[in-house]
Protein backbone atom coordinates (compact mmCIF):
# COMPACT_ATOMS: atom_id res chain seq x y z
CA MET A 1 7.75 74.09 137.57
CA LYS A 2 4.17 74.75 136.50
CA ARG A 3 4.90 78.42 136.17
CA ILE A 4 7.85 77.85 133.71
CA ILE A 5 5.75 75.43 131.58
CA PHE A 6 2.94 78.11 131.32
CA VAL A 7 5.47 80.89 130.26
CA LEU A 8 6.92 78.70 127.54
CA PHE A 9 3.47 77.68 126.19
CA ALA A 10 2.32 81.35 126.06
CA THR A 11 5.53 82.37 124.25
CA LEU A 12 5.10 79.68 121.51
CA ILE A 13 1.49 80.76 120.87
CA PHE A 14 1.78 84.65 120.94
CA VAL A 15 5.04 85.16 119.16
CA PRO A 16 4.10 83.72 115.69
CA LEU A 17 0.75 85.55 115.91
CA ALA A 18 2.59 88.86 116.44
CA ALA A 19 4.78 88.23 113.39
CA PHE A 20 1.64 87.54 111.23
CA ALA A 21 0.03 90.74 112.41
CA ASP A 22 3.06 92.85 111.31
CA ILE A 23 3.02 91.42 107.75
CA ASP A 24 -0.76 92.06 107.45
CA ILE A 25 -0.25 95.71 108.48
CA ASP A 26 2.54 96.23 105.96
CA PHE A 27 0.63 94.86 103.00
CA SER A 28 -2.37 96.93 103.81
CA VAL A 29 -0.45 100.17 103.91
CA ASP A 30 1.30 99.34 100.60
CA GLU A 31 -1.99 98.69 98.94
CA LYS A 32 -3.57 101.96 100.15
CA LEU A 33 -0.41 103.93 98.84
CA GLN A 34 -0.62 102.35 95.43
CA LYS A 35 -4.32 103.04 95.00
CA LYS A 36 -3.89 106.71 96.02
CA PHE A 37 -0.69 107.47 94.19
CA ASN A 38 0.82 106.33 90.90
CA THR A 39 4.34 105.68 92.06
CA SER A 40 5.86 105.69 88.43
CA VAL A 41 4.32 109.17 87.82
CA VAL A 42 5.46 110.48 91.12
CA GLU A 43 9.07 109.42 90.42
CA LYS A 44 9.11 111.35 87.15
CA ASP A 45 7.09 114.36 88.01
CA LEU A 46 8.15 115.18 91.48
CA LEU A 47 11.88 114.47 91.40
CA PRO A 48 13.99 117.29 89.95
CA PRO A 49 15.76 116.45 86.64
CA LEU A 50 19.42 115.78 86.77
CA PRO A 51 21.82 118.46 85.55
CA SER A 52 23.16 118.30 82.05
CA SER A 53 26.76 118.70 83.16
CA TYR A 54 26.45 115.38 84.90
CA TYR A 55 26.48 113.57 81.55
CA GLU A 56 29.46 115.70 80.29
CA GLN A 57 31.76 114.70 83.06
CA ASP A 58 34.66 112.55 81.98
CA LEU A 59 33.64 109.42 83.83
CA GLU A 60 34.62 105.97 82.69
CA VAL A 61 32.72 103.17 84.12
CA GLN A 62 34.15 99.81 83.82
CA THR A 63 32.26 96.53 84.76
CA ASP A 64 34.31 93.66 85.87
CA TYR A 65 32.85 90.19 86.01
CA ASP A 66 34.38 87.26 87.83
CA ASP A 67 33.74 84.22 85.62
CA ASN A 68 34.77 81.92 88.45
CA ILE A 69 31.92 82.93 90.82
CA PRO A 70 28.45 82.01 89.68
CA ASN A 71 25.90 84.82 89.60
CA ALA A 72 28.57 87.30 90.40
CA GLN A 73 27.39 90.86 90.54
CA PRO A 74 29.22 93.31 88.38
CA GLN A 75 31.67 95.58 90.11
CA GLN A 76 31.88 99.13 89.00
CA LYS A 77 35.09 101.02 89.05
CA ILE A 78 34.86 104.75 88.46
CA GLU A 79 37.94 106.38 87.17
CA THR A 80 37.96 110.10 86.85
CA THR A 81 40.36 111.78 84.50
CA ILE A 82 41.45 115.28 85.34
CA LYS A 83 42.12 117.56 82.39
CA GLN A 84 45.29 119.61 82.89
CA ASP A 85 46.43 122.37 80.81
CA LYS A 86 49.33 121.52 78.63
CA PRO A 87 52.33 123.83 79.19
CA GLU A 88 53.12 126.06 76.39
CA ASN A 89 56.16 125.32 74.26
CA VAL A 90 59.15 126.77 76.27
CA LYS A 91 62.52 126.99 74.52
CA PRO A 92 65.23 125.50 76.74
CA GLN A 93 67.69 127.98 77.70
CA PRO A 94 71.43 127.13 77.17
CA GLN A 95 73.09 126.37 80.51
CA PRO A 96 76.35 128.17 81.17
CA GLN A 97 79.39 125.96 80.96
CA PRO A 98 81.89 126.01 83.77
CA LYS A 99 84.91 128.07 83.22
CA THR A 100 88.21 126.18 82.85
CA LYS A 101 91.61 127.73 83.66
CA SER A 102 93.70 127.75 80.59
CA ALA A 103 97.41 127.18 80.80
CA THR A 104 99.47 130.36 81.30
CA THR A 105 101.07 131.51 78.11
CA VAL A 106 103.45 134.35 77.44
CA LYS A 107 102.51 136.61 74.57
CA SER A 108 105.41 137.93 72.33
CA GLY A 109 106.08 141.68 72.66
CA GLN A 110 105.43 142.01 76.44
CA MET A 111 107.63 144.15 78.57
CA TYR A 112 109.05 142.78 81.75
CA LYS A 113 110.54 144.87 84.47
CA LEU A 114 112.16 142.97 87.31
CA ASN A 115 113.37 144.89 90.38
CA ALA A 116 116.44 143.97 92.41
CA GLY A 117 115.60 141.62 95.25
CA THR A 118 113.04 139.65 93.15
CA LYS A 119 113.25 135.90 94.15
CA PHE A 120 112.69 132.86 92.13
CA MET A 121 112.21 129.30 93.40
CA VAL A 122 113.74 126.82 90.99
CA LYS A 123 114.95 123.17 90.55
CA ASN A 124 117.99 122.13 88.72
CA ASN A 125 117.82 119.96 85.76
CA ASN A 126 121.22 118.49 85.81
CA ALA A 127 123.32 117.45 88.72
CA PHE A 128 126.43 119.14 89.75
CA SER A 129 129.00 119.04 92.51
CA SER A 130 132.14 120.76 93.79
CA SER A 131 133.96 118.70 91.32
CA THR A 132 132.27 120.35 88.38
CA PRO A 133 134.84 122.33 86.49
CA VAL A 134 134.66 126.08 86.08
CA GLY A 135 132.58 127.17 83.08
CA GLY A 136 130.07 124.19 83.45
CA ILE A 137 126.53 125.23 82.64
CA VAL A 138 123.79 124.30 85.03
CA THR A 139 120.07 124.79 83.90
CA PHE A 140 117.19 125.37 86.24
CA LYS A 141 113.36 125.42 85.79
CA THR A 142 110.98 127.73 87.85
CA ILE A 143 108.61 125.91 90.14
CA TYR A 144 105.84 128.54 90.35
CA SER A 145 104.55 131.12 87.96
CA GLN A 146 105.19 134.73 89.05
CA LYS A 147 103.13 137.87 88.06
CA PHE A 148 105.00 141.24 87.38
CA GLY A 149 102.36 143.91 86.68
CA LYS A 150 100.27 142.61 83.88
CA ASN A 151 102.82 140.04 82.73
CA VAL A 152 103.40 136.62 84.05
CA ILE A 153 106.59 134.51 83.94
CA PRO A 154 105.15 130.95 83.81
CA ALA A 155 106.25 127.93 85.71
CA GLY A 156 108.82 125.80 83.95
CA THR A 157 110.65 128.86 82.63
CA THR A 158 114.42 128.10 82.07
CA ILE A 159 117.02 129.92 83.92
CA LYS A 160 120.84 129.26 83.39
CA ALA A 161 123.85 129.56 85.54
CA VAL A 162 127.55 129.07 85.03
CA VAL A 163 129.99 127.59 87.44
CA GLU A 164 132.20 130.75 88.19
CA ASN A 165 134.40 129.03 90.73
CA SER A 166 134.72 125.43 92.24
CA HIS A 167 137.13 123.09 93.85
CA PRO A 168 136.76 119.61 95.34
CA PRO A 169 137.41 118.94 99.07
CA GLN A 170 141.10 119.75 99.92
CA LEU A 171 143.60 118.90 102.65
CA SER A 172 143.62 120.39 106.01
CA GLY A 173 139.83 119.68 106.17
CA ASN A 174 138.89 122.25 103.71
CA GLY A 175 135.41 121.52 102.12
CA GLY A 176 134.46 121.73 98.51
CA LEU A 177 133.32 125.03 96.94
CA ILE A 178 130.79 126.02 94.26
CA ILE A 179 130.02 129.53 93.11
CA LEU A 180 127.24 129.95 90.55
CA LYS A 181 126.51 133.02 88.44
CA VAL A 182 122.95 133.20 87.27
CA TYR A 183 123.08 135.02 84.05
CA GLU A 184 120.22 134.09 81.76
CA ILE A 185 116.38 133.69 81.51
CA VAL A 186 114.67 132.19 78.49
CA ILE A 187 111.11 133.13 77.65
CA ASN A 188 109.36 132.32 74.34
CA GLY A 189 112.69 130.89 73.07
CA LYS A 190 114.39 134.28 73.61
CA ALA A 191 117.36 134.47 76.04
CA HIS A 192 117.54 137.55 78.22
CA GLN A 193 120.43 138.47 80.47
CA PHE A 194 120.14 139.21 84.15
CA ASN A 195 122.19 138.95 87.24
CA ALA A 196 121.17 136.77 90.25
CA LYS A 197 122.79 134.92 93.18
CA VAL A 198 122.03 131.84 95.15
CA ILE A 199 120.46 132.46 98.63
CA LEU A 200 119.18 129.01 99.46
CA ALA A 201 120.32 125.52 98.39
CA ASN A 202 118.54 122.37 99.70
CA ASN A 203 116.98 124.28 102.53
CA LYS A 204 120.36 125.66 103.63
CA LYS A 205 121.06 129.44 103.68
CA ILE A 206 123.86 130.48 101.36
CA PHE A 207 125.97 133.61 102.34
CA PHE A 208 127.95 135.61 99.69
CA ASN A 209 126.76 133.30 96.98
CA ARG A 210 129.39 130.73 98.17
CA MET A 211 128.11 127.13 98.48
CA LYS A 212 130.80 125.74 100.85
CA GLY A 213 131.34 122.12 102.24
CA LYS A 214 131.96 121.68 106.00
CA ARG A 215 135.49 122.30 107.18
CA THR A 216 136.39 119.02 109.20
CA TYR A 217 139.79 120.03 110.57
CA ILE A 218 138.50 120.25 114.31
CA GLN A 219 136.51 116.98 113.79
CA ASN A 220 139.69 115.28 112.43
CA LEU A 221 141.74 116.25 115.44
CA SER A 222 139.65 114.03 117.75
CA LYS A 223 139.82 110.95 115.56
CA PRO A 224 143.09 109.56 116.77
CA VAL A 225 142.56 110.81 120.28
CA LYS A 226 139.35 108.88 121.01
CA PRO A 227 140.83 105.28 120.60
CA ALA A 228 143.95 106.29 122.52
CA SER A 229 141.86 107.59 125.40
CA ARG A 230 139.91 104.22 125.56
CA PHE A 231 143.34 102.35 125.61
CA MET A 232 144.52 104.50 128.44
CA GLY A 233 141.49 103.58 130.44
CA LYS A 234 142.14 99.93 130.06
CA MET A 235 145.72 100.33 131.02
CA TRP A 236 144.72 102.32 134.08
CA LYS A 237 142.54 99.36 135.28
CA SER A 238 145.40 97.01 134.85
CA THR A 239 147.68 99.17 136.96
CA CYS A 240 145.09 99.20 139.78
CA LYS A 241 144.79 95.49 139.75
CA CYS A 242 148.62 95.00 139.86
CA ALA A 243 148.85 97.46 142.77
CA ASN A 244 146.39 95.48 144.86
CA GLY A 245 147.97 92.09 144.08
CA GLY A 246 150.97 92.26 146.48
CA VAL A 247 153.76 90.74 144.51
CA THR A 248 152.66 92.22 141.29
CA ALA A 249 152.79 95.68 142.61
CA ILE A 250 156.19 96.13 141.02
CA PHE A 251 154.56 95.62 137.57
CA ALA A 252 151.95 98.28 138.29
CA PRO A 253 153.54 101.34 136.58
CA PHE A 254 154.14 99.70 133.33
CA PRO A 255 150.46 99.53 132.08
CA PHE A 256 149.96 103.07 133.11
CA ILE A 257 153.13 104.24 131.35
CA THR A 258 152.12 102.31 128.13
CA GLY A 259 148.69 103.89 128.12
CA ALA A 260 149.96 107.43 128.72
CA ALA A 261 152.49 106.97 125.96
CA ALA A 262 149.71 106.04 123.45
CA LEU A 263 147.50 108.81 124.50
CA GLY A 264 150.37 111.37 124.31
CA GLY A 265 151.43 110.09 120.81
CA ALA A 266 147.85 110.44 119.59
CA ILE A 267 147.65 113.95 120.85
CA ILE A 268 150.94 114.88 119.06
CA ILE A 269 150.06 113.22 115.76
CA SER A 270 146.32 114.32 115.65
CA PRO A 271 147.18 117.76 114.06
CA VAL A 272 149.14 116.01 111.35
CA ILE A 273 146.37 113.64 110.70
CA SER A 274 143.93 116.39 110.57
CA LEU A 275 145.99 118.39 108.06
CA CYS A 276 146.13 115.37 105.80
CA SER A 277 142.47 114.75 105.90
CA LYS A 278 139.83 116.43 103.47
CA GLY A 279 136.65 118.32 104.10
CA GLU A 280 133.12 117.69 102.96
CA LYS A 281 132.23 117.24 99.35
CA LEU A 282 129.31 119.17 97.82
CA TYR A 283 126.89 117.35 95.50
CA PHE A 284 123.43 118.33 94.27
CA SER A 285 121.19 115.76 92.45
CA SER A 286 118.72 116.81 89.89
CA GLY A 287 115.47 118.13 91.33
CA THR A 288 117.11 120.02 94.25
CA VAL A 289 115.32 123.18 95.22
CA PHE A 290 117.15 126.52 95.15
CA ASN A 291 116.28 130.18 95.69
CA PHE A 292 117.66 132.83 93.45
CA LYS A 293 117.62 136.61 94.20
CA LEU A 294 118.11 139.42 91.50
CA ILE A 295 121.19 141.50 92.25
CA GLU A 296 120.12 144.43 89.95
CA ASP A 297 117.03 145.68 88.11
CA VAL A 298 116.47 144.32 84.61
CA ALA A 299 114.00 145.09 81.84
CA PHE A 300 113.35 143.14 78.72
CA SER A 301 110.62 142.26 76.10
CA SER A 302 109.53 138.73 75.38
């Protein structure tokens, strides 16, 4: 305990003396330096001068004060401006405009040579059927443009056909008939004759330029036979029931005879009914797709 009190007492005495000793040494050194050297002269004569370019730099010093804080020190913000070379006046170059496809037009005076076998895909403008009389005119429009050498037949070109032969559905199951003769194409308002035939109608192949309805003679033969065969089946079941009934066995043949007579009569009259029935009727609404094929070469000028 005595030792601790002694250490504390020595600390309180010697520590303040050491601080006063340091202050005295600092002041003594400073007084000697000021007597030996003139500090204002040393700062001007010994330090090198600042370069002149320092004052030519584009420096902007702004001092901001805060009025709300008393004795606020000014804050300096240095903003440097960088000089950039202005680009020379460059004339804007015109940008190329996108090319647009112009509508295909046919110039007058062009020569067309169409070889035999050339095909056209068309749509009919007016409806027609197997009941259309002979001599009726049917107009078509080409769906796609077609190129022949340097010349083009554009889409929408008019092609005309005439009904060369036709008849509605007939007895004996004979279907309707239409035969078209494609005879004319119109380009630039000028009509040019050519000879073509129909090879495709509504996605069905056409042979020998004959658009023919289905012949329904065979189909009509089975129409009366089907219900008679169903009736025969019912009568046969009745015969089987009567035969197993004991007393009713004597009546067993009669249902079978009735059914057999009905079936035989249907078979006999079915050819007559089939001969009196008609075949399929042909009808093409407007907008139906057809394919034409040239029969012979043709040449003309638009």
